[in-house]
Amino acid sequence: MRERQYGNKVLDKALQVIEALGCPEYVEMSIDELSAALKIPKGTLMPYLGEFERHQWIEQTAERRWRIAPMVTRFSEGARKRFLNARVEIDKTEKEHLGSGYKPEPA
């Protein structure tokens, strides 16, 4: 079966913006720096920046530099907590089964 290739240029550009601002070396970037780093014209970037700012994913500093906003931290923290909670449940289930003589089959 042939694997499908999906592409969405708008979404791709939007994710490039978040990824660029999320890199440790680019904690805060001006529109000029973002444009140069992503090779996307400033006029094309501005609607993305405005929309991400409206949804509180990025914010603009007093120095007119862009950075990741607390929404991204809350989003990633929520995902981390769900993963940790799932891991705790898996560990609990494994201990219950191992305590009762359950031995998983080798993979």
PDB file of N, CA and C in Angstrom:
ATOM      1  N   MET A   1       0.834  -1.176   0.000  1.00  0.00           N
ATOM      2  CA  MET A   1       0.000   0.000   0.000  1.00  0.00           C
ATOM      3  C   MET A   1       0.885   1.247   0.000  1.00  0.00           C
ATOM      4  N   ARG A   2       0.499   2.207  -0.770  1.00  0.00           N
ATOM      5  CA  ARG A   2       1.273   3.435  -0.895  1.00  0.00           C
ATOM      6  C   ARG A   2       0.954   4.397   0.255  1.00  0.00           C
ATOM      7  N   GLU A   3       1.979   4.939   0.866  1.00  0.00           N
ATOM      8  CA  GLU A   3       1.784   5.875   1.977  1.00  0.00           C
ATOM      9  C   GLU A   3       1.340   7.230   1.432  1.00  0.00           C
ATOM     10  N   ARG A   4       0.328   7.804   2.065  1.00  0.00           N
ATOM     11  CA  ARG A   4      -0.162   9.112   1.639  1.00  0.00           C
ATOM     12  C   ARG A   4       0.730  10.211   2.171  1.00  0.00           C
ATOM     13  N   GLN A   5       0.951  11.194   1.335  1.00  0.00           N
ATOM     14  CA  GLN A   5       1.713  12.371   1.721  1.00  0.00           C
ATOM     15  C   GLN A   5       0.741  13.538   1.838  1.00  0.00           C
ATOM     16  N   TYR A   6       0.549  14.029   3.046  1.00  0.00           N
ATOM     17  CA  TYR A   6      -0.325  15.165   3.258  1.00  0.00           C
ATOM     18  C   TYR A   6       0.533  16.412   3.393  1.00  0.00           C
ATOM     19  N   GLY A   7       0.049  17.488   2.881  1.00  0.00           N
ATOM     20  CA  GLY A   7       0.779  18.732   2.993  1.00  0.00           C
ATOM     21  C   GLY A   7      -0.168  19.896   3.160  1.00  0.00           C
ATOM     22  N   ASN A   8       0.168  20.775   4.063  1.00  0.00           N
ATOM     23  CA  ASN A   8      -0.618  21.974   4.288  1.00  0.00           C
ATOM     24  C   ASN A   8       0.375  23.099   4.494  1.00  0.00           C
ATOM     25  N   LYS A   9       0.566  23.905   3.477  1.00  0.00           N
ATOM     26  CA  LYS A   9       1.593  24.942   3.526  1.00  0.00           C
ATOM     27  C   LYS A   9       1.327  25.974   4.603  1.00  0.00           C
ATOM     28  N   VAL A  10       0.072  26.308   4.834  1.00  0.00           N
ATOM     29  CA  VAL A  10      -0.264  27.290   5.862  1.00  0.00           C
ATOM     30  C   VAL A  10       0.103  26.752   7.244  1.00  0.00           C
ATOM     31  N   LEU A  11      -0.300  25.528   7.521  1.00  0.00           N
ATOM     32  CA  LEU A  11       0.019  24.918   8.809  1.00  0.00           C
ATOM     33  C   LEU A  11       1.522  24.729   8.962  1.00  0.00           C
ATOM     34  N   ASP A  12       2.179  24.345   7.890  1.00  0.00           N
ATOM     35  CA  ASP A  12       3.628  24.165   7.914  1.00  0.00           C
ATOM     36  C   ASP A  12       4.337  25.464   8.320  1.00  0.00           C
ATOM     37  N   LYS A  13       3.939  26.573   7.723  1.00  0.00           N
ATOM     38  CA  LYS A  13       4.551  27.867   8.068  1.00  0.00           C
ATOM     39  C   LYS A  13       4.257  28.241   9.512  1.00  0.00           C
ATOM     40  N   ALA A  14       3.028  28.013   9.947  1.00  0.00           N
ATOM     41  CA  ALA A  14       2.651  28.341  11.322  1.00  0.00           C
ATOM     42  C   ALA A  14       3.502  27.552  12.317  1.00  0.00           C
ATOM     43  N   LEU A  15       3.686  26.275  12.051  1.00  0.00           N
ATOM     44  CA  LEU A  15       4.499  25.453  12.954  1.00  0.00           C
ATOM     45  C   LEU A  15       5.969  25.859  12.919  1.00  0.00           C
ATOM     46  N   GLN A  16       6.444  26.315  11.774  1.00  0.00           N
ATOM     47  CA  GLN A  16       7.821  26.812  11.692  1.00  0.00           C
ATOM     48  C   GLN A  16       8.027  27.994  12.638  1.00  0.00           C
ATOM     49  N   VAL A  17       7.033  28.864  12.734  1.00  0.00           N
ATOM     50  CA  VAL A  17       7.132  30.025  13.632  1.00  0.00           C
ATOM     51  C   VAL A  17       7.256  29.556  15.078  1.00  0.00           C
ATOM     52  N   ILE A  18       6.382  28.656  15.496  1.00  0.00           N
ATOM     53  CA  ILE A  18       6.420  28.157  16.884  1.00  0.00           C
ATOM     54  C   ILE A  18       7.739  27.440  17.148  1.00  0.00           C
ATOM     55  N   GLU A  19       8.179  26.619  16.207  1.00  0.00           N
ATOM     56  CA  GLU A  19       9.441  25.899  16.384  1.00  0.00           C
ATOM     57  C   GLU A  19      10.620  26.862  16.486  1.00  0.00           C
ATOM     58  N   ALA A  20      10.635  27.903  15.666  1.00  0.00           N
ATOM     59  CA  ALA A  20      11.741  28.870  15.713  1.00  0.00           C
ATOM     60  C   ALA A  20      11.790  29.578  17.053  1.00  0.00           C
ATOM     61  N   LEU A  21      10.641  29.983  17.552  1.00  0.00           N
ATOM     62  CA  LEU A  21      10.614  30.691  18.832  1.00  0.00           C
ATOM     63  C   LEU A  21      10.854  29.752  20.007  1.00  0.00           C
ATOM     64  N   GLY A  22      10.635  28.474  19.793  1.00  0.00           N
ATOM     65  CA  GLY A  22      10.840  27.499  20.863  1.00  0.00           C
ATOM     66  C   GLY A  22      12.256  26.993  20.984  1.00  0.00           C
ATOM     67  N   CYS A  23      13.108  27.318  20.022  1.00  0.00           N
ATOM     68  CA  CYS A  23      14.508  26.881  20.077  1.00  0.00           C
ATOM     69  C   CYS A  23      15.253  27.661  21.152  1.00  0.00           C
ATOM     70  N   PRO A  24      16.089  27.003  21.934  1.00  0.00           N
ATOM     71  CA  PRO A  24      16.812  27.710  22.996  1.00  0.00           C
ATOM     72  C   PRO A  24      17.636  28.892  22.495  1.00  0.00           C
ATOM     73  N   GLU A  25      18.193  28.787  21.303  1.00  0.00           N
ATOM     74  CA  GLU A  25      19.033  29.877  20.816  1.00  0.00           C
ATOM     75  C   GLU A  25      18.208  31.075  20.339  1.00  0.00           C
ATOM     76  N   TYR A  26      16.901  30.907  20.226  1.00  0.00           N
ATOM     77  CA  TYR A  26      16.029  31.993  19.765  1.00  0.00           C
ATOM     78  C   TYR A  26      14.954  32.295  20.802  1.00  0.00           C
ATOM     79  N   VAL A  27      15.340  32.587  22.004  1.00  0.00           N
ATOM     80  CA  VAL A  27      14.361  32.820  23.058  1.00  0.00           C
ATOM     81  C   VAL A  27      13.419  33.965  22.680  1.00  0.00           C
ATOM     82  N   GLU A  28      13.971  35.048  22.161  1.00  0.00           N
ATOM     83  CA  GLU A  28      13.171  36.169  21.669  1.00  0.00           C
ATOM     84  C   GLU A  28      13.728  36.581  20.317  1.00  0.00           C
ATOM     85  N   MET A  29      12.832  36.885  19.387  1.00  0.00           N
ATOM     86  CA  MET A  29      13.272  37.266  18.043  1.00  0.00           C
ATOM     87  C   MET A  29      12.452  38.436  17.532  1.00  0.00           C
ATOM     88  N   SER A  30      13.097  39.316  16.805  1.00  0.00           N
ATOM     89  CA  SER A  30      12.382  40.398  16.128  1.00  0.00           C
ATOM     90  C   SER A  30      11.741  39.826  14.868  1.00  0.00           C
ATOM     91  N   ILE A  31      10.843  40.588  14.283  1.00  0.00           N
ATOM     92  CA  ILE A  31      10.223  40.161  13.027  1.00  0.00           C
ATOM     93  C   ILE A  31      11.285  39.998  11.940  1.00  0.00           C
ATOM     94  N   ASP A  32      12.291  40.868  11.945  1.00  0.00           N
ATOM     95  CA  ASP A  32      13.372  40.752  10.958  1.00  0.00           C
ATOM     96  C   ASP A  32      14.152  39.456  11.152  1.00  0.00           C
ATOM     97  N   GLU A  33      14.443  39.109  12.406  1.00  0.00           N
ATOM     98  CA  GLU A  33      15.186  37.877  12.693  1.00  0.00           C
ATOM     99  C   GLU A  33      14.367  36.645  12.313  1.00  0.00           C
ATOM    100  N   LEU A  34      13.085  36.664  12.654  1.00  0.00           N
ATOM    101  CA  LEU A  34      12.219  35.537  12.286  1.00  0.00           C
ATOM    102  C   LEU A  34      12.137  35.379  10.774  1.00  0.00           C
ATOM    103  N   SER A  35      11.956  36.492  10.096  1.00  0.00           N
ATOM    104  CA  SER A  35      11.856  36.468   8.638  1.00  0.00           C
ATOM    105  C   SER A  35      13.118  35.884   8.013  1.00  0.00           C
ATOM    106  N   ALA A  36      14.267  36.325   8.501  1.00  0.00           N
ATOM    107  CA  ALA A  36      15.538  35.830   7.965  1.00  0.00           C
ATOM    108  C   ALA A  36      15.746  34.351   8.301  1.00  0.00           C
ATOM    109  N   ALA A  37      15.460  33.968   9.549  1.00  0.00           N
ATOM    110  CA  ALA A  37      15.679  32.579   9.975  1.00  0.00           C
ATOM    111  C   ALA A  37      14.777  31.599   9.230  1.00  0.00           C
ATOM    112  N   LEU A  38      13.540  32.004   8.984  1.00  0.00           N
ATOM    113  CA  LEU A  38      12.569  31.110   8.347  1.00  0.00           C
ATOM    114  C   LEU A  38      12.484  31.284   6.838  1.00  0.00           C
ATOM    115  N   LYS A  39      13.136  32.346   6.336  1.00  0.00           N
ATOM    116  CA  LYS A  39      13.059  32.662   4.902  1.00  0.00           C
ATOM    117  C   LYS A  39      11.609  32.858   4.464  1.00  0.00           C
ATOM    118  N   ILE A  40      10.867  33.578   5.322  1.00  0.00           N
ATOM    119  CA  ILE A  40       9.465  33.908   5.065  1.00  0.00           C
ATOM    120  C   ILE A  40       9.359  35.427   5.122  1.00  0.00           C
ATOM    121  N   PRO A  41       8.765  36.056   4.118  1.00  0.00           N
ATOM    122  CA  PRO A  41       8.642  37.516   4.137  1.00  0.00           C
ATOM    123  C   PRO A  41       7.881  38.017   5.375  1.00  0.00           C
ATOM    124  N   LYS A  42       8.259  39.205   5.850  1.00  0.00           N
ATOM    125  CA  LYS A  42       7.623  39.780   7.034  1.00  0.00           C
ATOM    126  C   LYS A  42       6.118  39.927   6.847  1.00  0.00           C
ATOM    127  N   GLY A  43       5.695  40.324   5.661  1.00  0.00           N
ATOM    128  CA  GLY A  43       4.269  40.473   5.398  1.00  0.00           C
ATOM    129  C   GLY A  43       3.504  39.166   5.512  1.00  0.00           C
ATOM    130  N   THR A  44       4.167  38.066   5.208  1.00  0.00           N
ATOM    131  CA  THR A  44       3.555  36.743   5.345  1.00  0.00           C
ATOM    132  C   THR A  44       3.548  36.314   6.807  1.00  0.00           C
ATOM    133  N   LEU A  45       4.578  36.678   7.552  1.00  0.00           N
ATOM    134  CA  LEU A  45       4.690  36.289   8.964  1.00  0.00           C
ATOM    135  C   LEU A  45       3.685  36.998   9.865  1.00  0.00           C
ATOM    136  N   MET A  46       3.413  38.260   9.601  1.00  0.00           N
ATOM    137  CA  MET A  46       2.594  39.057  10.511  1.00  0.00           C
ATOM    138  C   MET A  46       1.230  38.438  10.817  1.00  0.00           C
ATOM    139  N   PRO A  47       0.484  37.911   9.847  1.00  0.00           N
ATOM    140  CA  PRO A  47      -0.803  37.290  10.213  1.00  0.00           C
ATOM    141  C   PRO A  47      -0.624  36.083  11.152  1.00  0.00           C
ATOM    142  N   TYR A  48       0.436  35.322  10.950  1.00  0.00           N
ATOM    143  CA  TYR A  48       0.695  34.182  11.844  1.00  0.00           C
ATOM    144  C   TYR A  48       0.989  34.680  13.254  1.00  0.00           C
ATOM    145  N   LEU A  49       1.867  35.674  13.348  1.00  0.00           N
ATOM    146  CA  LEU A  49       2.226  36.216  14.661  1.00  0.00           C
ATOM    147  C   LEU A  49       0.998  36.793  15.358  1.00  0.00           C
ATOM    148  N   GLY A  50       0.190  37.521  14.610  1.00  0.00           N
ATOM    149  CA  GLY A  50      -1.017  38.114  15.190  1.00  0.00           C
ATOM    150  C   GLY A  50      -1.990  37.063  15.702  1.00  0.00           C
ATOM    151  N   GLU A  51      -2.157  36.000  14.945  1.00  0.00           N
ATOM    152  CA  GLU A  51      -3.089  34.946  15.348  1.00  0.00           C
ATOM    153  C   GLU A  51      -2.557  34.171  16.552  1.00  0.00           C
ATOM    154  N   PHE A  52      -1.271  33.838  16.538  1.00  0.00           N
ATOM    155  CA  PHE A  52      -0.680  33.159  17.698  1.00  0.00           C
ATOM    156  C   PHE A  52      -0.751  34.048  18.940  1.00  0.00           C
ATOM    157  N   GLU A  53      -0.557  35.338  18.763  1.00  0.00           N
ATOM    158  CA  GLU A  53      -0.644  36.259  19.899  1.00  0.00           C
ATOM    159  C   GLU A  53      -2.090  36.316  20.411  1.00  0.00           C
ATOM    160  N   ARG A  54      -3.026  36.370  19.512  1.00  0.00           N
ATOM    161  CA  ARG A  54      -4.440  36.409  19.906  1.00  0.00           C
ATOM    162  C   ARG A  54      -4.827  35.183  20.730  1.00  0.00           C
ATOM    163  N   HIS A  55      -4.243  34.044  20.402  1.00  0.00           N
ATOM    164  CA  HIS A  55      -4.526  32.798  21.126  1.00  0.00           C
ATOM    165  C   HIS A  55      -3.553  32.562  22.289  1.00  0.00           C
ATOM    166  N   GLN A  56      -2.709  33.523  22.554  1.00  0.00           N
ATOM    167  CA  GLN A  56      -1.760  33.510  23.674  1.00  0.00           C
ATOM    168  C   GLN A  56      -0.705  32.413  23.576  1.00  0.00           C
ATOM    169  N   TRP A  57      -0.320  32.050  22.340  1.00  0.00           N
ATOM    170  CA  TRP A  57       0.771  31.093  22.150  1.00  0.00           C
ATOM    171  C   TRP A  57       2.107  31.813  22.084  1.00  0.00           C
ATOM    172  N   ILE A  58       2.105  33.056  21.606  1.00  0.00           N
ATOM    173  CA  ILE A  58       3.315  33.879  21.611  1.00  0.00           C
ATOM    174  C   ILE A  58       2.923  35.266  22.103  1.00  0.00           C
ATOM    175  N   GLU A  59       3.930  36.041  22.456  1.00  0.00           N
ATOM    176  CA  GLU A  59       3.686  37.409  22.910  1.00  0.00           C
ATOM    177  C   GLU A  59       4.799  38.304  22.413  1.00  0.00           C
ATOM    178  N   GLN A  60       4.479  39.582  22.333  1.00  0.00           N
ATOM    179  CA  GLN A  60       5.469  40.559  21.895  1.00  0.00           C
ATOM    180  C   GLN A  60       5.942  41.344  23.107  1.00  0.00           C
ATOM    181  N   THR A  61       7.255  41.486  23.231  1.00  0.00           N
ATOM    182  CA  THR A  61       7.832  42.217  24.358  1.00  0.00           C
ATOM    183  C   THR A  61       7.759  43.716  24.102  1.00  0.00           C
ATOM    184  N   ALA A  62       8.088  44.483  25.125  1.00  0.00           N
ATOM    185  CA  ALA A  62       8.129  45.948  24.995  1.00  0.00           C
ATOM    186  C   ALA A  62       9.157  46.369  23.946  1.00  0.00           C
ATOM    187  N   GLU A  63      10.174  45.540  23.723  1.00  0.00           N
ATOM    188  CA  GLU A  63      11.220  45.820  22.727  1.00  0.00           C
ATOM    189  C   GLU A  63      10.809  45.351  21.331  1.00  0.00           C
ATOM    190  N   ARG A  64       9.542  44.951  21.171  1.00  0.00           N
ATOM    191  CA  ARG A  64       8.994  44.497  19.894  1.00  0.00           C
ATOM    192  C   ARG A  64       9.656  43.210  19.387  1.00  0.00           C
ATOM    193  N   ARG A  65       9.967  42.342  20.349  1.00  0.00           N
ATOM    194  CA  ARG A  65      10.516  41.030  20.025  1.00  0.00           C
ATOM    195  C   ARG A  65       9.443  39.995  20.376  1.00  0.00           C
ATOM    196  N   TRP A  66       9.447  38.901  19.660  1.00  0.00           N
ATOM    197  CA  TRP A  66       8.450  37.859  19.855  1.00  0.00           C
ATOM    198  C   TRP A  66       9.051  36.718  20.663  1.00  0.00           C
ATOM    199  N   ARG A  67       8.219  36.102  21.496  1.00  0.00           N
ATOM    200  CA  ARG A  67       8.663  34.946  22.296  1.00  0.00           C
ATOM    201  C   ARG A  67       7.466  34.045  22.587  1.00  0.00           C
ATOM    202  N   ILE A  68       7.770  32.827  22.987  1.00  0.00           N
ATOM    203  CA  ILE A  68       6.737  31.878  23.374  1.00  0.00           C
ATOM    204  C   ILE A  68       6.038  32.417  24.615  1.00  0.00           C
ATOM    205  N   ALA A  69       4.715  32.292  24.658  1.00  0.00           N
ATOM    206  CA  ALA A  69       3.917  32.785  25.780  1.00  0.00           C
ATOM    207  C   ALA A  69       3.569  31.636  26.734  1.00  0.00           C
ATOM    208  N   PRO A  70       3.051  31.967  27.894  1.00  0.00           N
ATOM    209  CA  PRO A  70       2.724  30.932  28.894  1.00  0.00           C
ATOM    210  C   PRO A  70       1.770  29.842  28.411  1.00  0.00           C
ATOM    211  N   MET A  71       0.943  30.105  27.401  1.00  0.00           N
ATOM    212  CA  MET A  71       0.020  29.075  26.906  1.00  0.00           C
ATOM    213  C   MET A  71       0.773  27.821  26.471  1.00  0.00           C
ATOM    214  N   VAL A  72       1.911  27.989  25.840  1.00  0.00           N
ATOM    215  CA  VAL A  72       2.690  26.833  25.390  1.00  0.00           C
ATOM    216  C   VAL A  72       3.175  26.040  26.596  1.00  0.00           C
ATOM    217  N   THR A  73       3.596  26.735  27.633  1.00  0.00           N
ATOM    218  CA  THR A  73       4.049  26.060  28.856  1.00  0.00           C
ATOM    219  C   THR A  73       2.896  25.293  29.489  1.00  0.00           C
ATOM    220  N   ARG A  74       1.720  25.917  29.561  1.00  0.00           N
ATOM    221  CA  ARG A  74       0.555  25.231  30.137  1.00  0.00           C
ATOM    222  C   ARG A  74       0.187  24.012  29.297  1.00  0.00           C
ATOM    223  N   PHE A  75       0.245  24.150  27.986  1.00  0.00           N
ATOM    224  CA  PHE A  75      -0.067  23.057  27.078  1.00  0.00           C
ATOM    225  C   PHE A  75       0.897  21.887  27.300  1.00  0.00           C
ATOM    226  N   SER A  76       2.198  22.179  27.323  1.00  0.00           N
ATOM    227  CA  SER A  76       3.184  21.115  27.489  1.00  0.00           C
ATOM    228  C   SER A  76       3.133  20.525  28.894  1.00  0.00           C
ATOM    229  N   GLU A  77       2.833  21.347  29.898  1.00  0.00           N
ATOM    230  CA  GLU A  77       2.723  20.846  31.270  1.00  0.00           C
ATOM    231  C   GLU A  77       1.548  19.872  31.383  1.00  0.00           C
ATOM    232  N   GLY A  78       0.443  20.214  30.734  1.00  0.00           N
ATOM    233  CA  GLY A  78      -0.715  19.319  30.751  1.00  0.00           C
ATOM    234  C   GLY A  78      -0.410  17.978  30.095  1.00  0.00           C
ATOM    235  N   ALA A  79       0.291  18.016  28.982  1.00  0.00           N
ATOM    236  CA  ALA A  79       0.671  16.772  28.297  1.00  0.00           C
ATOM    237  C   ALA A  79       1.617  15.949  29.163  1.00  0.00           C
ATOM    238  N   ARG A  80       2.561  16.628  29.818  1.00  0.00           N
ATOM    239  CA  ARG A  80       3.508  15.925  30.692  1.00  0.00           C
ATOM    240  C   ARG A  80       2.782  15.257  31.853  1.00  0.00           C
ATOM    241  N   LYS A  81       1.824  15.956  32.451  1.00  0.00           N
ATOM    242  CA  LYS A  81       1.073  15.382  33.575  1.00  0.00           C
ATOM    243  C   LYS A  81       0.267  14.177  33.140  1.00  0.00           C
ATOM    244  N   ARG A  82      -0.382  14.279  31.959  1.00  0.00           N
ATOM    245  CA  ARG A  82      -1.150  13.127  31.472  1.00  0.00           C
ATOM    246  C   ARG A  82      -0.240  11.928  31.242  1.00  0.00           C
ATOM    247  N   PHE A  83       0.940  12.174  30.683  1.00  0.00           N
ATOM    248  CA  PHE A  83       1.875  11.077  30.443  1.00  0.00           C
ATOM    249  C   PHE A  83       2.317  10.463  31.772  1.00  0.00           C
ATOM    250  N   LEU A  84       2.668  11.296  32.750  1.00  0.00           N
ATOM    251  CA  LEU A  84       3.121  10.786  34.040  1.00  0.00           C
ATOM    252  C   LEU A  84       2.012  10.009  34.747  1.00  0.00           C
ATOM    253  N   ASN A  85       0.782  10.518  34.682  1.00  0.00           N
ATOM    254  CA  ASN A  85      -0.341   9.807  35.299  1.00  0.00           C
ATOM    255  C   ASN A  85      -0.553   8.453  34.641  1.00  0.00           C
ATOM    256  N   ALA A  86      -0.440   8.412  33.321  1.00  0.00           N
ATOM    257  CA  ALA A  86      -0.581   7.138  32.611  1.00  0.00           C
ATOM    258  C   ALA A  86       0.535   6.181  33.025  1.00  0.00           C
ATOM    259  N   ARG A  87       1.750   6.710  33.167  1.00  0.00           N
ATOM    260  CA  ARG A  87       2.891   5.876  33.567  1.00  0.00           C
ATOM    261  C   ARG A  87       2.677   5.308  34.969  1.00  0.00           C
ATOM    262  N   VAL A  88       2.139   6.109  35.886  1.00  0.00           N
ATOM    263  CA  VAL A  88       1.860   5.648  37.246  1.00  0.00           C
ATOM    264  C   VAL A  88       0.847   4.508  37.204  1.00  0.00           C
ATOM    265  N   GLU A  89      -0.201   4.649  36.395  1.00  0.00           N
ATOM    266  CA  GLU A  89      -1.217   3.602  36.277  1.00  0.00           C
ATOM    267  C   GLU A  89      -0.627   2.320  35.694  1.00  0.00           C
ATOM    268  N   ILE A  90       0.225   2.452  34.704  1.00  0.00           N
ATOM    269  CA  ILE A  90       0.876   1.276  34.105  1.00  0.00           C
ATOM    270  C   ILE A  90       1.752   0.585  35.149  1.00  0.00           C
ATOM    271  N   ASP A  91       2.545   1.371  35.880  1.00  0.00           N
ATOM    272  CA  ASP A  91       3.411   0.793  36.924  1.00  0.00           C
ATOM    273  C   ASP A  91       2.575   0.082  37.986  1.00  0.00           C
ATOM    274  N   LYS A  92       1.476   0.695  38.384  1.00  0.00           N
ATOM    275  CA  LYS A  92       0.591   0.098  39.406  1.00  0.00           C
ATOM    276  C   LYS A  92       0.033  -1.225  38.908  1.00  0.00           C
ATOM    277  N   THR A  93      -0.431  -1.243  37.661  1.00  0.00           N
ATOM    278  CA  THR A  93      -0.995  -2.463  37.084  1.00  0.00           C
ATOM    279  C   THR A  93       0.068  -3.558  36.983  1.00  0.00           C
ATOM    280  N   GLU A  94       1.267  -3.184  36.554  1.00  0.00           N
ATOM    281  CA  GLU A  94       2.350  -4.170  36.458  1.00  0.00           C
ATOM    282  C   GLU A  94       2.678  -4.753  37.826  1.00  0.00           C
ATOM    283  N   LYS A  95       2.735  -3.917  38.857  1.00  0.00           N
ATOM    284  CA  LYS A  95       3.033  -4.404  40.214  1.00  0.00           C
ATOM    285  C   LYS A  95       1.942  -5.339  40.705  1.00  0.00           C
ATOM    286  N   GLU A  96       0.687  -4.992  40.413  1.00  0.00           N
ATOM    287  CA  GLU A  96      -0.419  -5.860  40.825  1.00  0.00           C
ATOM    288  C   GLU A  96      -0.306  -7.218  40.156  1.00  0.00           C
ATOM    289  N   HIS A  97       0.008  -7.227  38.866  1.00  0.00           N
ATOM    290  CA  HIS A  97       0.118  -8.496  38.146  1.00  0.00           C
ATOM    291  C   HIS A  97       1.354  -9.268  38.575  1.00  0.00           C
ATOM    292  N   LEU A  98       2.460  -8.593  38.759  1.00  0.00           N
ATOM    293  CA  LEU A  98       3.677  -9.285  39.168  1.00  0.00           C
ATOM    294  C   LEU A  98       3.556  -9.822  40.576  1.00  0.00           C
ATOM    295  N   GLY A  99       2.838  -9.089  41.411  1.00  0.00           N
ATOM    296  CA  GLY A  99       2.632  -9.547  42.797  1.00  0.00           C
ATOM    297  C   GLY A  99       1.780 -10.796  42.868  1.00  0.00           C
ATOM    298  N   SER A 100       0.947 -11.013  41.873  1.00  0.00           N
ATOM    299  CA  SER A 100       0.065 -12.189  41.894  1.00  0.00           C
ATOM    300  C   SER A 100       0.656 -13.351  41.091  1.00  0.00           C
ATOM    301  N   GLY A 101       1.936 -13.261  40.757  1.00  0.00           N
ATOM    302  CA  GLY A 101       2.576 -14.335  40.018  1.00  0.00           C
ATOM    303  C   GLY A 101       2.497 -14.177  38.514  1.00  0.00           C
ATOM    304  N   TYR A 102       1.986 -13.064  38.057  1.00  0.00           N
ATOM    305  CA  TYR A 102       1.906 -12.805  36.614  1.00  0.00           C
ATOM    306  C   TYR A 102       3.282 -12.573  36.048  1.00  0.00           C
ATOM    307  N   LYS A 103       3.595 -13.257  34.974  1.00  0.00           N
ATOM    308  CA  LYS A 103       4.863 -13.053  34.293  1.00  0.00           C
ATOM    309  C   LYS A 103       4.568 -12.732  32.844  1.00  0.00           C
ATOM    310  N   PRO A 104       4.960 -11.509  32.415  1.00  0.00           N
ATOM    311  CA  PRO A 104       4.684 -11.173  31.014  1.00  0.00           C
ATOM    312  C   PRO A 104       5.497 -12.045  30.065  1.00  0.00           C
ATOM    313  N   GLU A 105       4.909 -12.348  28.907  1.00  0.00           N
ATOM    314  CA  GLU A 105       5.605 -13.137  27.926  1.00  0.00           C
ATOM    315  C   GLU A 105       6.702 -12.279  27.282  1.00  0.00           C
ATOM    316  N   PRO A 106       7.862 -12.885  27.007  1.00  0.00           N
ATOM    317  CA  PRO A 106       8.925 -12.098  26.358  1.00  0.00           C
ATOM    318  C   PRO A 106       8.490 -11.631  24.967  1.00  0.00           C
ATOM    319  N   ALA A 107       8.948 -10.446  24.611  1.00  0.00           N
ATOM    320  CA  ALA A 107       8.577  -9.882  23.311  1.00  0.00           C
ATOM    321  C   ALA A 107       9.341 -10.526  22.193  1.00  0.00           C
TER     322      ALA A 107
END
